[in-house]
Amino acid sequence: LQNQFIKYFYVLHNYVVLNNSTKSQLIDFTDGYIESFPSEKNRIKEIFKDALGMEYSRELPPPLWLLIKDHSHRVLVFDLFDVITVPIYTFDLNAAEIEHLLTIEGITRNDAEKIISYRNENAFFTGLEQLKNIPNITSEVIDKISSAEFDQDYYDKVYQDFELELNISKLILKPLQYLFYRASFYYLIIFGIVYFFIIKRVNPTVKESVILFVKYFFFWMLFLFVGLICVLLFNQAYLYIMIFSMLMALLALFIYRKRKEKRLRTLVFIGVMSIAIIASVI
């Protein structure tokens, strides 16, 4: 495996050079690999055919770029909360997957599957007019795709004043903010359960209830923090969360060994918190 990757890097370094490229980088790589390792010529051509659905040729059709207007999308894969986005979406029809086509309003998964299947069986599209050759594709679908043909003027206008900003602090804070809001919502449910079934029985004052609410909220944040650490560090995070919960339960038994009411509500709270966090992890 290491030797194979050395071959890849050798070819990339010596043949796939953007400034000297006369064809696509895919062709540069394939030609370079065949020239460097001629004994593997047939195999590399087989891989090319398996990947692209056509015999190897140095002449590839031009890309058919589509532009989806007002379709904001994230730039980074790990940016799950769309912190860093661009306002429009572009893709090459000859390199598209089903998910790309679904960004066009009105295109169903069934339509997208037919288009991709036709392209894979008949090599690349050389023009959007070829969409008419696809069986069982309506003229409405063809019009929707054709209307998404790349518009250079629109593209230039959108990006004239647009500046992509890589904001690391937002990338970190946004998930934490989401986690905090969601955790707060679950805490209200958990505290409500404990309050109405355990705490309310002793008729606490408003002040006592508020104190308990705040105290258990920090307790909940501790559980949340431990759960997050377990997820980041361990494969079977739920096992370590269970161990932590058991240790906290033993600690509560020791601290409140002579105070039955506090012992009961703390143990119930620990149990409900543990179930909520383990369920979210699993």
C-alpha atoms as a PDB file:
ATOM      1  CA  LEU A   1       0.000   0.000   0.000  1.00  0.00           C
ATOM      2  CA  GLN A   2       2.843   2.370   0.843  1.00  0.00           C
ATOM      3  CA  ASN A   3       4.533   1.614  -2.478  1.00  0.00           C
ATOM      4  CA  GLN A   4       1.315   2.313  -4.348  1.00  0.00           C
ATOM      5  CA  PHE A   5       0.927   5.714  -2.702  1.00  0.00           C
ATOM      6  CA  ILE A   6       4.545   6.520  -3.536  1.00  0.00           C
ATOM      7  CA  LYS A   7       3.642   5.875  -7.175  1.00  0.00           C
ATOM      8  CA  TYR A   8       0.661   8.212  -6.924  1.00  0.00           C
ATOM      9  CA  PHE A   9       2.742  11.010  -5.433  1.00  0.00           C
ATOM     10  CA  TYR A  10       5.485  10.480  -8.017  1.00  0.00           C
ATOM     11  CA  VAL A  11       3.005  10.860 -10.869  1.00  0.00           C
ATOM     12  CA  LEU A  12       1.252  13.825  -9.259  1.00  0.00           C
ATOM     13  CA  HIS A  13       4.569  15.586  -8.696  1.00  0.00           C
ATOM     14  CA  ASN A  14       5.946  15.023 -12.176  1.00  0.00           C
ATOM     15  CA  TYR A  15       2.910  15.133 -14.459  1.00  0.00           C
ATOM     16  CA  VAL A  16      -0.057  16.834 -12.811  1.00  0.00           C
ATOM     17  CA  VAL A  17       1.245  20.382 -12.938  1.00  0.00           C
ATOM     18  CA  LEU A  18      -1.468  22.993 -13.381  1.00  0.00           C
ATOM     19  CA  ASN A  19       0.696  25.542 -15.203  1.00  0.00           C
ATOM     20  CA  ASN A  20       1.942  23.004 -17.752  1.00  0.00           C
ATOM     21  CA  SER A  21      -1.288  21.099 -18.255  1.00  0.00           C
ATOM     22  CA  THR A  22      -2.698  20.918 -21.766  1.00  0.00           C
ATOM     23  CA  LYS A  23      -5.541  18.545 -20.876  1.00  0.00           C
ATOM     24  CA  SER A  24      -7.534  17.881 -17.742  1.00  0.00           C
ATOM     25  CA  GLN A  25      -5.609  16.866 -14.647  1.00  0.00           C
ATOM     26  CA  LEU A  26      -7.273  13.458 -14.827  1.00  0.00           C
ATOM     27  CA  ILE A  27      -5.750  12.913 -18.276  1.00  0.00           C
ATOM     28  CA  ASP A  28      -2.395  14.264 -17.088  1.00  0.00           C
ATOM     29  CA  PHE A  29      -2.416  11.778 -14.233  1.00  0.00           C
ATOM     30  CA  THR A  30      -3.476   8.808 -16.387  1.00  0.00           C
ATOM     31  CA  ASP A  31      -0.924   9.561 -19.115  1.00  0.00           C
ATOM     32  CA  GLY A  32       1.782  10.103 -16.526  1.00  0.00           C
ATOM     33  CA  TYR A  33       0.988   6.861 -14.738  1.00  0.00           C
ATOM     34  CA  ILE A  34       1.046   4.858 -17.985  1.00  0.00           C
ATOM     35  CA  GLU A  35       4.343   6.436 -19.012  1.00  0.00           C
ATOM     36  CA  SER A  36       5.933   5.895 -15.607  1.00  0.00           C
ATOM     37  CA  PHE A  37       4.634   2.349 -15.043  1.00  0.00           C
ATOM     38  CA  PRO A  38       3.903   0.841 -18.499  1.00  0.00           C
ATOM     39  CA  SER A  39       3.451  -2.655 -17.061  1.00  0.00           C
ATOM     40  CA  GLU A  40       0.256  -1.401 -15.380  1.00  0.00           C
ATOM     41  CA  LYS A  41      -1.140   0.235 -18.528  1.00  0.00           C
ATOM     42  CA  ASN A  42      -4.038  -2.172 -19.011  1.00  0.00           C
ATOM     43  CA  ARG A  43      -5.017  -2.055 -15.347  1.00  0.00           C
ATOM     44  CA  ILE A  44      -5.080   1.735 -15.177  1.00  0.00           C
ATOM     45  CA  LYS A  45      -7.270   1.827 -18.291  1.00  0.00           C
ATOM     46  CA  GLU A  46      -9.644  -0.693 -16.701  1.00  0.00           C
ATOM     47  CA  ILE A  47      -9.905   1.512 -13.622  1.00  0.00           C
ATOM     48  CA  PHE A  48     -10.561   4.539 -15.828  1.00  0.00           C
ATOM     49  CA  LYS A  49     -13.404   2.690 -17.580  1.00  0.00           C
ATOM     50  CA  ASP A  50     -14.886   1.447 -14.297  1.00  0.00           C
ATOM     51  CA  ALA A  51     -14.842   4.958 -12.856  1.00  0.00           C
ATOM     52  CA  LEU A  52     -16.084   6.926 -15.862  1.00  0.00           C
ATOM     53  CA  GLY A  53     -18.082   4.397 -17.853  1.00  0.00           C
ATOM     54  CA  MET A  54     -16.098   4.896 -21.047  1.00  0.00           C
ATOM     55  CA  GLU A  55     -12.928   3.680 -22.721  1.00  0.00           C
ATOM     56  CA  TYR A  56      -9.819   5.672 -21.998  1.00  0.00           C
ATOM     57  CA  SER A  57      -9.423   8.622 -24.317  1.00  0.00           C
ATOM     58  CA  ARG A  58      -7.353  11.777 -24.121  1.00  0.00           C
ATOM     59  CA  GLU A  59     -10.370  13.671 -25.415  1.00  0.00           C
ATOM     60  CA  LEU A  60     -12.885  14.318 -22.684  1.00  0.00           C
ATOM     61  CA  PRO A  61     -16.081  16.312 -23.209  1.00  0.00           C
ATOM     62  CA  PRO A  62     -16.112  19.827 -21.760  1.00  0.00           C
ATOM     63  CA  PRO A  63     -17.699  20.238 -18.325  1.00  0.00           C
ATOM     64  CA  LEU A  64     -21.363  21.239 -18.294  1.00  0.00           C
ATOM     65  CA  TRP A  65     -21.577  23.646 -15.382  1.00  0.00           C
ATOM     66  CA  LEU A  66     -24.909  24.377 -13.764  1.00  0.00           C
ATOM     67  CA  LEU A  67     -25.590  27.253 -11.387  1.00  0.00           C
ATOM     68  CA  ILE A  68     -28.280  27.090  -8.711  1.00  0.00           C
ATOM     69  CA  LYS A  69     -29.261  30.621  -7.732  1.00  0.00           C
ATOM     70  CA  ASP A  70     -30.052  31.575  -4.130  1.00  0.00           C
ATOM     71  CA  HIS A  71     -28.862  28.203  -2.877  1.00  0.00           C
ATOM     72  CA  SER A  72     -26.643  28.988   0.086  1.00  0.00           C
ATOM     73  CA  HIS A  73     -24.446  26.086   1.141  1.00  0.00           C
ATOM     74  CA  ARG A  74     -21.580  25.362   3.498  1.00  0.00           C
ATOM     75  CA  VAL A  75     -17.971  25.355   2.374  1.00  0.00           C
ATOM     76  CA  LEU A  76     -16.532  22.965   4.962  1.00  0.00           C
ATOM     77  CA  VAL A  77     -17.734  19.403   5.458  1.00  0.00           C
ATOM     78  CA  PHE A  78     -17.512  19.599   9.268  1.00  0.00           C
ATOM     79  CA  ASP A  79     -19.464  22.874   9.381  1.00  0.00           C
ATOM     80  CA  LEU A  80     -22.789  21.296  10.358  1.00  0.00           C
ATOM     81  CA  PHE A  81     -24.405  24.607  11.279  1.00  0.00           C
ATOM     82  CA  ASP A  82     -23.689  26.563   8.088  1.00  0.00           C
ATOM     83  CA  VAL A  83     -21.386  29.064   9.746  1.00  0.00           C
ATOM     84  CA  ILE A  84     -19.363  29.667   6.569  1.00  0.00           C
ATOM     85  CA  THR A  85     -21.466  29.631   3.401  1.00  0.00           C
ATOM     86  CA  VAL A  86     -21.464  30.785  -0.194  1.00  0.00           C
ATOM     87  CA  PRO A  87     -24.670  32.188  -1.735  1.00  0.00           C
ATOM     88  CA  ILE A  88     -24.911  30.039  -4.881  1.00  0.00           C
ATOM     89  CA  TYR A  89     -24.202  26.432  -5.811  1.00  0.00           C
ATOM     90  CA  THR A  90     -22.393  25.236  -8.945  1.00  0.00           C
ATOM     91  CA  PHE A  91     -21.623  21.744 -10.207  1.00  0.00           C
ATOM     92  CA  ASP A  92     -20.611  19.937 -13.372  1.00  0.00           C
ATOM     93  CA  LEU A  93     -23.383  17.751 -14.777  1.00  0.00           C
ATOM     94  CA  ASN A  94     -20.761  15.301 -16.054  1.00  0.00           C
ATOM     95  CA  ALA A  95     -19.379  14.845 -12.536  1.00  0.00           C
ATOM     96  CA  ALA A  96     -22.645  15.210 -10.620  1.00  0.00           C
ATOM     97  CA  GLU A  97     -24.155  12.798  -8.121  1.00  0.00           C
ATOM     98  CA  ILE A  98     -27.852  12.454  -7.334  1.00  0.00           C
ATOM     99  CA  GLU A  99     -27.562  14.892  -4.418  1.00  0.00           C
ATOM    100  CA  HIS A 100     -26.242  17.617  -6.728  1.00  0.00           C
ATOM    101  CA  LEU A 101     -29.256  17.381  -9.022  1.00  0.00           C
ATOM    102  CA  LEU A 102     -31.623  17.511  -6.061  1.00  0.00           C
ATOM    103  CA  THR A 103     -30.473  21.085  -5.406  1.00  0.00           C
ATOM    104  CA  ILE A 104     -32.498  22.097  -8.467  1.00  0.00           C
ATOM    105  CA  GLU A 105     -35.999  22.969  -7.318  1.00  0.00           C
ATOM    106  CA  GLY A 106     -38.591  20.563  -8.685  1.00  0.00           C
ATOM    107  CA  ILE A 107     -36.181  17.709  -9.478  1.00  0.00           C
ATOM    108  CA  THR A 108     -37.160  14.497  -7.696  1.00  0.00           C
ATOM    109  CA  ARG A 109     -34.828  11.704  -6.662  1.00  0.00           C
ATOM    110  CA  ASN A 110     -36.382   9.497  -9.332  1.00  0.00           C
ATOM    111  CA  ASP A 111     -35.573  12.111 -12.006  1.00  0.00           C
ATOM    112  CA  ALA A 112     -32.016  12.461 -10.731  1.00  0.00           C
ATOM    113  CA  GLU A 113     -31.477   8.696 -10.723  1.00  0.00           C
ATOM    114  CA  LYS A 114     -32.623   8.433 -14.356  1.00  0.00           C
ATOM    115  CA  ILE A 115     -30.253  11.218 -15.437  1.00  0.00           C
ATOM    116  CA  ILE A 116     -27.224   9.772 -13.629  1.00  0.00           C
ATOM    117  CA  SER A 117     -28.013   6.253 -14.842  1.00  0.00           C
ATOM    118  CA  TYR A 118     -28.272   7.450 -18.456  1.00  0.00           C
ATOM    119  CA  ARG A 119     -24.978   9.340 -18.176  1.00  0.00           C
ATOM    120  CA  ASN A 120     -23.178   6.335 -16.684  1.00  0.00           C
ATOM    121  CA  GLU A 121     -24.429   4.044 -19.438  1.00  0.00           C
ATOM    122  CA  ASN A 122     -23.811   6.435 -22.327  1.00  0.00           C
ATOM    123  CA  ALA A 123     -20.635   8.208 -21.184  1.00  0.00           C
ATOM    124  CA  PHE A 124     -20.710  11.988 -20.732  1.00  0.00           C
ATOM    125  CA  PHE A 125     -23.131  14.647 -21.889  1.00  0.00           C
ATOM    126  CA  THR A 126     -21.722  16.921 -24.566  1.00  0.00           C
ATOM    127  CA  GLY A 127     -24.642  19.349 -24.300  1.00  0.00           C
ATOM    128  CA  LEU A 128     -27.843  19.912 -22.335  1.00  0.00           C
ATOM    129  CA  GLU A 129     -29.893  19.087 -25.420  1.00  0.00           C
ATOM    130  CA  GLN A 130     -28.947  15.431 -24.856  1.00  0.00           C
ATOM    131  CA  LEU A 131     -31.286  15.385 -21.867  1.00  0.00           C
ATOM    132  CA  LYS A 132     -34.109  14.908 -24.381  1.00  0.00           C
ATOM    133  CA  ASN A 133     -32.718  11.447 -25.153  1.00  0.00           C
ATOM    134  CA  ILE A 134     -33.293  10.183 -21.618  1.00  0.00           C
ATOM    135  CA  PRO A 135     -36.344   7.869 -21.483  1.00  0.00           C
ATOM    136  CA  ASN A 136     -39.269   8.929 -19.271  1.00  0.00           C
ATOM    137  CA  ILE A 137     -37.880  12.388 -18.499  1.00  0.00           C
ATOM    138  CA  THR A 138     -40.524  15.091 -18.832  1.00  0.00           C
ATOM    139  CA  SER A 139     -39.996  18.351 -20.686  1.00  0.00           C
ATOM    140  CA  GLU A 140     -40.632  20.164 -17.407  1.00  0.00           C
ATOM    141  CA  VAL A 141     -37.605  18.479 -15.815  1.00  0.00           C
ATOM    142  CA  ILE A 142     -35.472  19.264 -18.851  1.00  0.00           C
ATOM    143  CA  ASP A 143     -36.544  22.926 -18.694  1.00  0.00           C
ATOM    144  CA  LYS A 144     -35.646  23.144 -14.997  1.00  0.00           C
ATOM    145  CA  ILE A 145     -32.151  21.807 -15.643  1.00  0.00           C
ATOM    146  CA  SER A 146     -31.676  23.957 -18.732  1.00  0.00           C
ATOM    147  CA  SER A 147     -32.724  27.061 -16.806  1.00  0.00           C
ATOM    148  CA  ALA A 148     -29.894  26.290 -14.360  1.00  0.00           C
ATOM    149  CA  GLU A 149     -27.259  26.548 -17.098  1.00  0.00           C
ATOM    150  CA  PHE A 150     -24.231  28.448 -15.849  1.00  0.00           C
ATOM    151  CA  ASP A 151     -24.722  32.222 -16.050  1.00  0.00           C
ATOM    152  CA  GLN A 152     -21.334  33.950 -15.974  1.00  0.00           C
ATOM    153  CA  ASP A 153     -22.805  37.440 -15.588  1.00  0.00           C
ATOM    154  CA  TYR A 154     -24.920  36.386 -12.617  1.00  0.00           C
ATOM    155  CA  TYR A 155     -21.946  34.579 -11.082  1.00  0.00           C
ATOM    156  CA  ASP A 156     -19.705  37.637 -11.421  1.00  0.00           C
ATOM    157  CA  LYS A 157     -22.396  39.914  -9.995  1.00  0.00           C
ATOM    158  CA  VAL A 158     -22.915  37.738  -6.914  1.00  0.00           C
ATOM    159  CA  TYR A 159     -19.216  37.493  -6.144  1.00  0.00           C
ATOM    160  CA  GLN A 160     -18.429  41.109  -6.941  1.00  0.00           C
ATOM    161  CA  ASP A 161     -18.936  42.214  -3.343  1.00  0.00           C
ATOM    162  CA  PHE A 162     -18.841  38.802  -1.666  1.00  0.00           C
ATOM    163  CA  GLU A 163     -15.890  37.941   0.527  1.00  0.00           C
ATOM    164  CA  LEU A 164     -15.509  34.498   2.050  1.00  0.00           C
ATOM    165  CA  GLU A 165     -14.414  34.772   5.653  1.00  0.00           C
ATOM    166  CA  LEU A 166     -12.993  31.817   7.565  1.00  0.00           C
ATOM    167  CA  ASN A 167     -14.205  32.476  11.104  1.00  0.00           C
ATOM    168  CA  ILE A 168     -12.683  29.866  13.404  1.00  0.00           C
ATOM    169  CA  SER A 169     -14.310  31.243  16.554  1.00  0.00           C
ATOM    170  CA  LYS A 170     -17.796  30.909  15.050  1.00  0.00           C
ATOM    171  CA  LEU A 171     -17.004  27.373  13.874  1.00  0.00           C
ATOM    172  CA  ILE A 172     -16.288  26.464  17.493  1.00  0.00           C
ATOM    173  CA  LEU A 173     -18.917  28.562  19.267  1.00  0.00           C
ATOM    174  CA  LYS A 174     -21.894  27.730  17.024  1.00  0.00           C
ATOM    175  CA  PRO A 175     -21.934  23.973  17.840  1.00  0.00           C
ATOM    176  CA  LEU A 176     -21.418  24.764  21.528  1.00  0.00           C
ATOM    177  CA  GLN A 177     -24.274  27.249  21.404  1.00  0.00           C
ATOM    178  CA  TYR A 178     -26.523  24.665  19.758  1.00  0.00           C
ATOM    179  CA  LEU A 179     -25.497  22.093  22.358  1.00  0.00           C
ATOM    180  CA  PHE A 180     -26.226  24.518  25.195  1.00  0.00           C
ATOM    181  CA  TYR A 181     -29.704  25.402  23.906  1.00  0.00           C
ATOM    182  CA  ARG A 182     -30.603  21.773  23.338  1.00  0.00           C
ATOM    183  CA  ALA A 183     -29.213  20.752  26.725  1.00  0.00           C
ATOM    184  CA  SER A 184     -31.218  23.530  28.406  1.00  0.00           C
ATOM    185  CA  PHE A 185     -34.417  22.270  26.760  1.00  0.00           C
ATOM    186  CA  TYR A 186     -33.801  18.723  27.980  1.00  0.00           C
ATOM    187  CA  TYR A 187     -32.916  20.035  31.420  1.00  0.00           C
ATOM    188  CA  LEU A 188     -36.315  21.706  31.727  1.00  0.00           C
ATOM    189  CA  ILE A 189     -37.944  18.360  30.982  1.00  0.00           C
ATOM    190  CA  ILE A 190     -35.713  16.459  33.412  1.00  0.00           C
ATOM    191  CA  PHE A 191     -36.130  18.985  36.206  1.00  0.00           C
ATOM    192  CA  GLY A 192     -39.878  19.041  35.626  1.00  0.00           C
ATOM    193  CA  ILE A 193     -40.047  15.275  36.045  1.00  0.00           C
ATOM    194  CA  VAL A 194     -38.012  15.330  39.263  1.00  0.00           C
ATOM    195  CA  TYR A 195     -39.850  18.369  40.613  1.00  0.00           C
ATOM    196  CA  PHE A 196     -43.414  17.158  40.137  1.00  0.00           C
ATOM    197  CA  PHE A 197     -42.763  13.578  41.237  1.00  0.00           C
ATOM    198  CA  ILE A 198     -40.225  14.080  44.038  1.00  0.00           C
ATOM    199  CA  ILE A 199     -39.497  17.662  45.097  1.00  0.00           C
ATOM    200  CA  LYS A 200     -43.084  18.930  45.114  1.00  0.00           C
ATOM    201  CA  ARG A 201     -44.060  16.416  47.767  1.00  0.00           C
ATOM    202  CA  VAL A 202     -42.175  18.370  50.466  1.00  0.00           C
ATOM    203  CA  ASN A 203     -43.826  21.694  49.470  1.00  0.00           C
ATOM    204  CA  PRO A 204     -40.651  23.743  48.884  1.00  0.00           C
ATOM    205  CA  THR A 205     -40.760  27.535  48.863  1.00  0.00           C
ATOM    206  CA  VAL A 206     -40.159  29.482  45.663  1.00  0.00           C
ATOM    207  CA  LYS A 207     -36.658  30.346  46.867  1.00  0.00           C
ATOM    208  CA  GLU A 208     -35.840  26.720  47.610  1.00  0.00           C
ATOM    209  CA  SER A 209     -37.175  25.666  44.211  1.00  0.00           C
ATOM    210  CA  VAL A 210     -35.037  28.268  42.431  1.00  0.00           C
ATOM    211  CA  ILE A 211     -31.946  27.179  44.353  1.00  0.00           C
ATOM    212  CA  LEU A 212     -32.595  23.552  43.455  1.00  0.00           C
ATOM    213  CA  PHE A 213     -33.182  24.521  39.822  1.00  0.00           C
ATOM    214  CA  VAL A 214     -29.825  26.325  39.621  1.00  0.00           C
ATOM    215  CA  LYS A 215     -27.944  23.660  41.563  1.00  0.00           C
ATOM    216  CA  TYR A 216     -29.211  20.814  39.426  1.00  0.00           C
ATOM    217  CA  PHE A 217     -28.601  22.840  36.278  1.00  0.00           C
ATOM    218  CA  PHE A 218     -24.874  22.978  37.072  1.00  0.00           C
ATOM    219  CA  PHE A 219     -25.059  19.283  37.904  1.00  0.00           C
ATOM    220  CA  TRP A 220     -26.613  18.678  34.470  1.00  0.00           C
ATOM    221  CA  MET A 221     -23.850  20.738  32.799  1.00  0.00           C
ATOM    222  CA  LEU A 222     -21.287  18.528  34.538  1.00  0.00           C
ATOM    223  CA  PHE A 223     -22.966  15.410  33.134  1.00  0.00           C
ATOM    224  CA  LEU A 224     -23.102  17.014  29.713  1.00  0.00           C
ATOM    225  CA  PHE A 225     -19.410  17.930  29.831  1.00  0.00           C
ATOM    226  CA  VAL A 226     -18.415  14.418  30.880  1.00  0.00           C
ATOM    227  CA  GLY A 227     -20.609  12.928  28.154  1.00  0.00           C
ATOM    228  CA  LEU A 228     -18.983  15.173  25.538  1.00  0.00           C
ATOM    229  CA  ILE A 229     -15.492  14.192  26.679  1.00  0.00           C
ATOM    230  CA  CYS A 230     -16.424  10.497  26.564  1.00  0.00           C
ATOM    231  CA  VAL A 231     -17.746  10.840  23.005  1.00  0.00           C
ATOM    232  CA  LEU A 232     -14.552  12.576  21.889  1.00  0.00           C
ATOM    233  CA  LEU A 233     -12.152  10.157  23.565  1.00  0.00           C
ATOM    234  CA  PHE A 234     -13.791   6.731  23.570  1.00  0.00           C
ATOM    235  CA  ASN A 235     -15.436   4.461  20.991  1.00  0.00           C
ATOM    236  CA  GLN A 236     -18.034   3.033  23.384  1.00  0.00           C
ATOM    237  CA  ALA A 237     -18.766   6.316  25.121  1.00  0.00           C
ATOM    238  CA  TYR A 238     -21.987   5.092  26.745  1.00  0.00           C
ATOM    239  CA  LEU A 239     -20.045   2.602  28.900  1.00  0.00           C
ATOM    240  CA  TYR A 240     -17.897   5.332  30.406  1.00  0.00           C
ATOM    241  CA  ILE A 241     -20.952   7.542  30.933  1.00  0.00           C
ATOM    242  CA  MET A 242     -22.599   4.668  32.799  1.00  0.00           C
ATOM    243  CA  ILE A 243     -19.496   4.260  34.975  1.00  0.00           C
ATOM    244  CA  PHE A 244     -19.485   7.994  35.752  1.00  0.00           C
ATOM    245  CA  SER A 245     -23.199   7.876  36.603  1.00  0.00           C
ATOM    246  CA  MET A 246     -22.663   4.962  38.971  1.00  0.00           C
ATOM    247  CA  LEU A 247     -19.821   6.798  40.715  1.00  0.00           C
ATOM    248  CA  MET A 248     -22.010   9.893  41.100  1.00  0.00           C
ATOM    249  CA  ALA A 249     -24.827   7.737  42.478  1.00  0.00           C
ATOM    250  CA  LEU A 250     -22.472   6.165  45.046  1.00  0.00           C
ATOM    251  CA  LEU A 251     -21.255   9.632  46.005  1.00  0.00           C
ATOM    252  CA  ALA A 252     -24.859  10.802  46.473  1.00  0.00           C
ATOM    253  CA  LEU A 253     -25.604   7.749  48.640  1.00  0.00           C
ATOM    254  CA  PHE A 254     -22.661   8.623  50.832  1.00  0.00           C
ATOM    255  CA  ILE A 255     -23.348  12.373  51.090  1.00  0.00           C
ATOM    256  CA  TYR A 256     -27.097  12.017  51.714  1.00  0.00           C
ATOM    257  CA  ARG A 257     -27.001   8.738  53.643  1.00  0.00           C
ATOM    258  CA  LYS A 258     -28.969  10.329  56.511  1.00  0.00           C
ATOM    259  CA  ARG A 259     -31.269  12.537  54.406  1.00  0.00           C
ATOM    260  CA  LYS A 260     -33.721  10.309  52.600  1.00  0.00           C
ATOM    261  CA  GLU A 261     -35.571  12.993  50.624  1.00  0.00           C
ATOM    262  CA  LYS A 262     -32.407  14.584  49.192  1.00  0.00           C
ATOM    263  CA  ARG A 263     -30.936  11.152  48.508  1.00  0.00           C
ATOM    264  CA  LEU A 264     -34.011  10.059  46.562  1.00  0.00           C
ATOM    265  CA  ARG A 265     -34.335  13.136  44.375  1.00  0.00           C
ATOM    266  CA  THR A 266     -30.578  13.220  43.631  1.00  0.00           C
ATOM    267  CA  LEU A 267     -30.552   9.555  42.621  1.00  0.00           C
ATOM    268  CA  VAL A 268     -33.629  10.040  40.430  1.00  0.00           C
ATOM    269  CA  PHE A 269     -32.035  13.082  38.847  1.00  0.00           C
ATOM    270  CA  ILE A 270     -28.805  11.184  38.155  1.00  0.00           C
ATOM    271  CA  GLY A 271     -30.771   8.299  36.652  1.00  0.00           C
ATOM    272  CA  VAL A 272     -32.850  10.486  34.339  1.00  0.00           C
ATOM    273  CA  MET A 273     -29.769  12.495  33.271  1.00  0.00           C
ATOM    274  CA  SER A 274     -27.838   9.314  32.531  1.00  0.00           C
ATOM    275  CA  ILE A 275     -30.659   7.897  30.424  1.00  0.00           C
ATOM    276  CA  ALA A 276     -30.977  11.145  28.450  1.00  0.00           C
ATOM    277  CA  ILE A 277     -27.250  11.408  27.692  1.00  0.00           C
ATOM    278  CA  ILE A 278     -26.758   7.716  26.908  1.00  0.00           C
ATOM    279  CA  ALA A 279     -29.787   7.774  24.593  1.00  0.00           C
ATOM    280  CA  SER A 280     -28.358  10.751  22.707  1.00  0.00           C
ATOM    281  CA  VAL A 281     -24.966   9.041  22.383  1.00  0.00           C
ATOM    282  CA  ILE A 282     -26.378   5.738  21.186  1.00  0.00           C
END
